[in-house]
Amino acid sequence: MTPPRYHLIDLSGPNPSAKFGLRSRLAINDAGAIAGACDDRAALWERGKVHFLAGPGTYAWGINPKGEVAIEDGKSGLFWRKGQLEALPIQTQPGERVVPRDIAEGRTVVGTTQSKGLPLGQAWVLKGTIFRWLADAAEARVLCPDGRVAGFAHVAHGDVPVVWQSNQIAWLPLPTRCKTGRVTAVNAAGILVGSAMLTDDDQEEGFPTRALRWRPGASPEVLFPGIATAINDRGWIAGHQTDTFEGVGAGGVLWIEGKKHVADDLIESRGHWHVIEVHDLNNKGQLVGQAFYRDELRAVLLDPR
């Protein structure tokens, strides 16, 4: 399949100093609404305008098809819907904060807790009013169509990709050359994507990470050097090439039907723009991420023509 050509839209608009989308991972739904942060506040970009959702020190990490947003606020986390905010019913210990990572319909939110000095706390899932802890030293990232939760857990040798079914945890398989990895996204068919790190003896090309795909009932597939961050229901996969695990992207990538396309090459009249990371994509093929314009980092939307 021939990939679409894209028009690049600068999400900072006429005021680049506002720096929308530079403090958190961007997320986009099928309506084209983009969740992120602006001026250290959770914000939503819609039809060329930025709307603040919460106060200072907040970050929007996920948006569902209805436009509901999960927000980190340094406390119990927030749920935003149609201009209304409510705290997530999650009890934490002193010094802990709740970090929502994804939100689905039915007021379903997944994430982790964090505390000072610890990279991971406890993974959790909230479905409506029903809350459940999943595991210590873990992070829940996505909700699968069959009700499972996917993410990663920290073990002695690093992070490993996992899924939770009710109270049971299962490790996802990794390619033979990899010992650590993470799940980052899922689509309606239950296909998971993420990344894995090569062992020290197998690192090559300056890229120690490999983007992975887990299809139901199949072995994990290595896609390209880098990280897969999102997958849509058409099976398109977005991500970026990188030279460090979860590090700064060296270039945005779109993977379609077995072929890798560099985001820069798909943009009409690219000029001085260089897309370094693609964070998310929707079923219309719209991509959101970060790019350099000359030497200035900005958030961008790539809109198919």
Protein backbone atom coordinates (compact mmCIF):
# COMPACT_ATOMS: atom_id res chain seq x y z
CA MET A 1 0.00 0.00 0.00
CA THR A 2 1.20 3.48 -0.85
CA PRO A 3 1.33 5.59 2.33
CA PRO A 4 -0.55 8.89 2.41
CA ARG A 5 1.07 12.25 1.95
CA TYR A 6 0.82 14.48 4.99
CA HIS A 7 0.31 18.14 5.76
CA LEU A 8 2.21 19.22 8.88
CA ILE A 9 0.32 21.40 11.38
CA ASP A 10 2.24 23.23 14.09
CA LEU A 11 0.23 22.66 17.28
CA SER A 12 1.80 25.64 18.99
CA GLY A 13 -0.08 27.84 16.50
CA PRO A 14 0.69 31.56 16.56
CA ASN A 15 2.26 31.36 20.01
CA PRO A 16 5.16 28.84 20.03
CA SER A 17 6.20 30.05 23.49
CA ALA A 18 3.10 28.30 24.90
CA LYS A 19 4.86 24.98 24.17
CA PHE A 20 1.79 22.77 23.88
CA GLY A 21 2.69 19.10 23.89
CA LEU A 22 6.29 19.35 25.02
CA ARG A 23 5.91 18.05 28.58
CA SER A 24 3.89 14.87 28.03
CA ARG A 25 3.17 12.19 25.47
CA LEU A 26 0.47 13.33 23.04
CA ALA A 27 -2.65 11.24 22.43
CA ILE A 28 -5.23 11.66 19.64
CA ASN A 29 -8.73 10.22 19.17
CA ASP A 30 -10.65 9.64 15.93
CA ALA A 31 -12.27 13.08 16.16
CA GLY A 32 -8.80 14.65 15.96
CA ALA A 33 -8.81 15.95 19.55
CA ILE A 34 -5.31 15.88 21.04
CA ALA A 35 -4.54 15.53 24.75
CA GLY A 36 -1.28 16.82 26.20
CA ALA A 37 0.00 19.70 28.30
CA CYS A 38 0.59 23.41 27.78
CA ASP A 39 2.35 25.79 30.13
CA ASP A 40 2.59 22.98 32.73
CA ARG A 41 -1.18 22.37 32.64
CA ALA A 42 -3.26 19.55 31.18
CA ALA A 43 -4.66 20.76 27.88
CA LEU A 44 -6.70 19.71 24.87
CA TRP A 45 -6.03 20.82 21.27
CA GLU A 46 -9.17 20.97 19.13
CA ARG A 47 -9.71 22.63 15.75
CA GLY A 48 -6.71 24.87 16.14
CA LYS A 49 -7.39 25.98 19.70
CA VAL A 50 -5.86 24.93 23.02
CA HIS A 51 -8.21 24.45 25.99
CA PHE A 52 -6.88 24.12 29.53
CA LEU A 53 -8.41 21.22 31.46
CA ALA A 54 -6.86 21.57 34.93
CA GLY A 55 -4.53 23.68 37.03
CA PRO A 56 -0.72 23.98 37.15
CA GLY A 57 1.38 20.84 37.49
CA THR A 58 -1.09 18.61 35.62
CA TYR A 59 -0.60 16.48 32.50
CA ALA A 60 -3.10 14.79 30.19
CA TRP A 61 -1.88 11.31 29.22
CA GLY A 62 -4.83 9.77 27.38
CA ILE A 63 -8.07 10.54 25.54
CA ASN A 64 -10.83 8.11 24.58
CA PRO A 65 -13.27 8.17 21.60
CA LYS A 66 -15.77 10.28 23.57
CA GLY A 67 -13.18 12.96 24.31
CA GLU A 68 -12.82 12.03 27.99
CA VAL A 69 -9.32 12.61 29.34
CA ALA A 70 -7.16 11.01 32.05
CA ILE A 71 -5.00 13.52 33.92
CA GLU A 72 -2.04 13.29 36.28
CA ASP A 73 -2.26 15.90 39.03
CA GLY A 74 0.40 14.80 41.53
CA LYS A 75 -2.27 13.23 43.75
CA SER A 76 -4.98 10.66 43.01
CA GLY A 77 -5.39 11.51 39.32
CA LEU A 78 -8.30 13.19 37.54
CA PHE A 79 -11.05 12.26 35.09
CA TRP A 80 -12.18 15.07 32.73
CA ARG A 81 -15.47 14.94 30.85
CA LYS A 82 -17.30 17.81 29.13
CA GLY A 83 -15.62 20.46 31.24
CA GLN A 84 -16.08 18.63 34.55
CA LEU A 85 -13.26 17.24 36.69
CA GLU A 86 -13.46 14.52 39.29
CA ALA A 87 -10.78 12.77 41.32
CA LEU A 88 -10.09 9.13 40.59
CA PRO A 89 -11.10 6.94 43.57
CA ILE A 90 -7.58 5.70 44.25
CA GLN A 91 -6.12 5.71 47.75
CA THR A 92 -2.35 6.25 47.87
CA GLN A 93 0.30 6.22 50.56
CA PRO A 94 2.02 9.46 51.70
CA GLY A 95 4.45 10.63 49.01
CA GLU A 96 2.79 8.59 46.24
CA ARG A 97 1.03 9.96 43.19
CA VAL A 98 -1.22 8.34 40.62
CA VAL A 99 -0.16 8.40 36.96
CA PRO A 100 -2.98 7.47 34.55
CA ARG A 101 -1.53 6.11 31.29
CA ASP A 102 -4.56 5.32 29.14
CA ILE A 103 -8.31 5.75 29.12
CA ALA A 104 -11.00 3.77 27.31
CA GLU A 105 -14.76 4.10 27.15
CA GLY A 106 -16.86 3.27 30.19
CA ARG A 107 -14.65 5.37 32.46
CA THR A 108 -11.92 2.73 32.28
CA VAL A 109 -8.46 4.00 33.20
CA VAL A 110 -5.14 2.19 33.68
CA GLY A 111 -1.81 3.35 35.04
CA THR A 112 0.64 3.17 37.91
CA THR A 113 1.57 4.89 41.14
CA GLN A 114 4.88 6.65 41.57
CA SER A 115 6.84 7.89 44.55
CA LYS A 116 10.08 9.77 44.96
CA GLY A 117 13.12 7.65 44.23
CA LEU A 118 11.16 4.76 42.70
CA PRO A 119 10.62 4.48 38.93
CA LEU A 120 7.57 2.24 39.28
CA GLY A 121 4.95 1.69 41.96
CA GLN A 122 1.81 -0.42 41.67
CA ALA A 123 -0.07 -1.08 38.43
CA TRP A 124 -3.83 -0.58 38.65
CA VAL A 125 -7.05 -0.59 36.62
CA LEU A 126 -10.27 1.35 37.21
CA LYS A 127 -13.41 0.13 35.41
CA GLY A 128 -16.30 2.45 36.16
CA THR A 129 -16.42 2.42 39.95
CA ILE A 130 -14.50 -0.85 40.36
CA PHE A 131 -10.84 -0.36 41.23
CA ARG A 132 -8.21 -3.10 41.39
CA TRP A 133 -4.49 -3.20 42.13
CA LEU A 134 -2.65 -5.44 39.65
CA ALA A 135 0.99 -5.79 40.73
CA ASP A 136 3.86 -4.09 42.52
CA ALA A 137 6.79 -2.64 40.51
CA ALA A 138 4.69 -2.54 37.36
CA GLU A 139 2.83 -0.22 35.00
CA ALA A 140 -0.49 -0.84 33.26
CA ARG A 141 -0.47 0.81 29.83
CA VAL A 142 -3.48 -0.32 27.78
CA LEU A 143 -6.82 -2.11 28.03
CA CYS A 144 -7.28 -4.94 25.53
CA PRO A 145 -10.64 -5.56 23.78
CA ASP A 146 -11.07 -8.85 25.67
CA GLY A 147 -10.76 -7.10 29.04
CA ARG A 148 -7.12 -7.94 29.70
CA VAL A 149 -4.72 -5.19 30.74
CA ALA A 150 -1.25 -4.98 29.19
CA GLY A 151 1.89 -3.19 30.31
CA PHE A 152 5.18 -4.17 31.89
CA ALA A 153 6.62 -5.32 35.18
CA HIS A 154 10.07 -4.73 36.63
CA VAL A 155 12.10 -7.82 37.51
CA ALA A 156 15.74 -8.36 38.47
CA HIS A 157 17.11 -7.97 34.93
CA GLY A 158 14.82 -5.10 33.85
CA ASP A 159 11.31 -4.54 32.48
CA VAL A 160 9.32 -7.37 30.90
CA PRO A 161 6.08 -7.08 28.87
CA VAL A 162 3.06 -8.57 30.63
CA VAL A 163 -0.71 -8.98 30.46
CA TRP A 164 -3.14 -9.28 33.35
CA GLN A 165 -6.31 -11.38 33.14
CA SER A 166 -8.29 -10.77 36.30
CA ASN A 167 -5.71 -11.42 39.05
CA GLN A 168 -3.36 -13.51 36.91
CA ILE A 169 -0.20 -12.11 35.33
CA ALA A 170 1.54 -13.62 32.29
CA TRP A 171 4.78 -12.61 30.61
CA LEU A 172 4.64 -11.95 26.89
CA PRO A 173 7.32 -13.73 24.85
CA LEU A 174 10.32 -11.78 23.59
CA PRO A 175 12.60 -12.42 20.61
CA THR A 176 15.58 -14.63 21.47
CA ARG A 177 18.06 -11.75 21.37
CA CYS A 178 16.03 -9.65 23.83
CA LYS A 179 15.62 -9.92 27.60
CA THR A 180 13.64 -6.78 28.41
CA GLY A 181 10.68 -5.00 26.82
CA ARG A 182 7.48 -3.02 27.23
CA VAL A 183 3.95 -2.97 25.80
CA THR A 184 2.77 0.49 24.75
CA ALA A 185 -0.43 0.14 22.68
CA VAL A 186 -3.19 -2.17 21.41
CA ASN A 187 -5.84 -2.01 18.67
CA ALA A 188 -9.39 -3.35 18.36
CA ALA A 189 -8.13 -6.70 17.06
CA GLY A 190 -6.06 -7.21 20.21
CA ILE A 191 -2.72 -6.72 18.44
CA LEU A 192 -0.15 -5.34 20.88
CA VAL A 193 2.91 -3.26 20.03
CA GLY A 194 5.86 -2.03 22.06
CA SER A 195 9.60 -2.40 22.19
CA ALA A 196 12.41 -4.60 23.43
CA MET A 197 16.07 -4.04 24.13
CA LEU A 198 18.74 -6.19 22.58
CA THR A 199 21.31 -7.83 24.82
CA ASP A 200 24.70 -6.11 24.94
CA ASP A 201 26.21 -8.74 22.64
CA ASP A 202 23.55 -8.23 19.95
CA GLN A 203 23.38 -4.45 19.70
CA GLU A 204 23.97 -3.17 16.21
CA GLU A 205 23.50 -0.12 14.00
CA GLY A 206 23.59 2.13 17.07
CA PHE A 207 19.97 1.18 17.87
CA PRO A 208 19.71 -1.10 20.94
CA THR A 209 15.88 -1.20 20.81
CA ARG A 210 13.53 -2.99 18.45
CA ALA A 211 9.87 -2.20 17.80
CA LEU A 212 7.74 -5.30 18.37
CA ARG A 213 4.30 -6.58 17.44
CA TRP A 214 2.43 -9.35 19.28
CA ARG A 215 -0.43 -10.82 17.24
CA PRO A 216 -2.82 -13.20 19.04
CA GLY A 217 -1.48 -16.74 18.93
CA ALA A 218 1.74 -15.79 17.10
CA SER A 219 5.37 -15.27 18.10
CA PRO A 220 6.57 -11.69 18.62
CA GLU A 221 7.65 -9.93 15.44
CA VAL A 222 10.53 -7.48 15.15
CA LEU A 223 9.47 -4.53 12.97
CA PHE A 224 12.25 -1.92 12.89
CA PRO A 225 15.08 -0.50 15.01
CA GLY A 226 13.32 1.75 17.50
CA ILE A 227 10.08 1.92 19.50
CA ALA A 228 6.48 1.29 18.45
CA THR A 229 4.23 3.73 20.31
CA ALA A 230 0.78 3.23 18.73
CA ILE A 231 -1.30 0.99 16.44
CA ASN A 232 -4.65 1.75 14.83
CA ASP A 233 -7.45 -0.60 13.77
CA ARG A 234 -6.08 -0.73 10.21
CA GLY A 235 -2.88 -2.21 11.59
CA TRP A 236 -0.76 0.88 10.92
CA ILE A 237 1.98 1.25 13.51
CA ALA A 238 3.61 4.51 14.57
CA GLY A 239 6.79 5.11 16.52
CA HIS A 240 10.30 6.37 16.15
CA GLN A 241 13.85 5.28 15.76
CA THR A 242 15.96 5.89 18.83
CA ASP A 243 19.43 5.27 20.17
CA THR A 244 18.46 4.81 23.83
CA PHE A 245 15.67 2.87 25.56
CA GLU A 246 12.68 5.21 25.91
CA GLY A 247 15.06 7.99 24.82
CA VAL A 248 14.73 10.94 22.48
CA GLY A 249 13.61 9.90 19.03
CA ALA A 250 15.98 10.17 16.09
CA GLY A 251 13.13 10.14 13.58
CA GLY A 252 9.39 9.43 13.40
CA VAL A 253 8.27 6.22 11.69
CA LEU A 254 5.03 4.90 10.16
CA TRP A 255 4.86 1.13 9.52
CA ILE A 256 2.30 -0.02 6.95
CA GLU A 257 1.91 -3.57 5.64
CA GLY A 258 5.44 -4.68 6.39
CA LYS A 259 7.24 -1.54 5.25
CA LYS A 260 8.81 1.24 7.29
CA HIS A 261 8.26 4.83 6.15
CA VAL A 262 10.19 7.74 7.62
CA ALA A 263 7.73 10.45 8.64
CA ASP A 264 9.83 13.25 7.12
CA ASP A 265 9.56 11.62 3.70
CA LEU A 266 5.74 11.64 3.82
CA ILE A 267 5.33 15.37 4.47
CA GLU A 268 4.48 17.75 1.65
CA SER A 269 6.48 20.99 1.66
CA ARG A 270 8.42 19.91 4.78
CA GLY A 271 10.84 22.83 4.68
CA HIS A 272 12.94 23.04 7.86
CA TRP A 273 10.82 20.56 9.86
CA HIS A 274 12.23 17.27 11.17
CA VAL A 275 9.84 14.90 12.95
CA ILE A 276 11.77 13.15 15.74
CA GLU A 277 8.95 11.22 17.48
CA VAL A 278 5.44 9.99 16.64
CA HIS A 279 3.47 9.44 19.85
CA ASP A 280 0.06 8.33 18.59
CA LEU A 281 -2.16 7.83 15.54
CA ASN A 282 -5.88 7.37 14.98
CA ASN A 283 -8.01 5.37 12.57
CA LYS A 284 -8.02 8.25 10.08
CA GLY A 285 -4.24 8.00 9.84
CA GLN A 286 -3.55 11.27 11.66
CA LEU A 287 -0.23 11.29 13.54
CA VAL A 288 0.85 13.41 16.51
CA GLY A 289 4.32 13.83 17.93
CA GLN A 290 7.24 16.19 18.22
CA ALA A 291 9.43 17.83 15.61
CA PHE A 292 12.25 20.31 15.36
CA TYR A 293 11.66 23.49 13.38
CA ARG A 294 15.18 24.71 12.77
CA ASP A 295 16.48 24.29 16.36
CA GLU A 296 13.18 24.70 18.23
CA LEU A 297 11.20 21.70 19.50
CA ARG A 298 7.45 21.83 18.78
CA ALA A 299 4.42 19.56 18.89
CA VAL A 300 2.95 18.66 15.51
CA LEU A 301 -0.04 17.01 13.87
CA LEU A 302 0.45 15.20 10.57
CA ASP A 303 -2.84 15.29 8.68
CA PRO A 304 -3.27 12.98 5.63
CA ARG A 305 -4.10 14.82 2.42
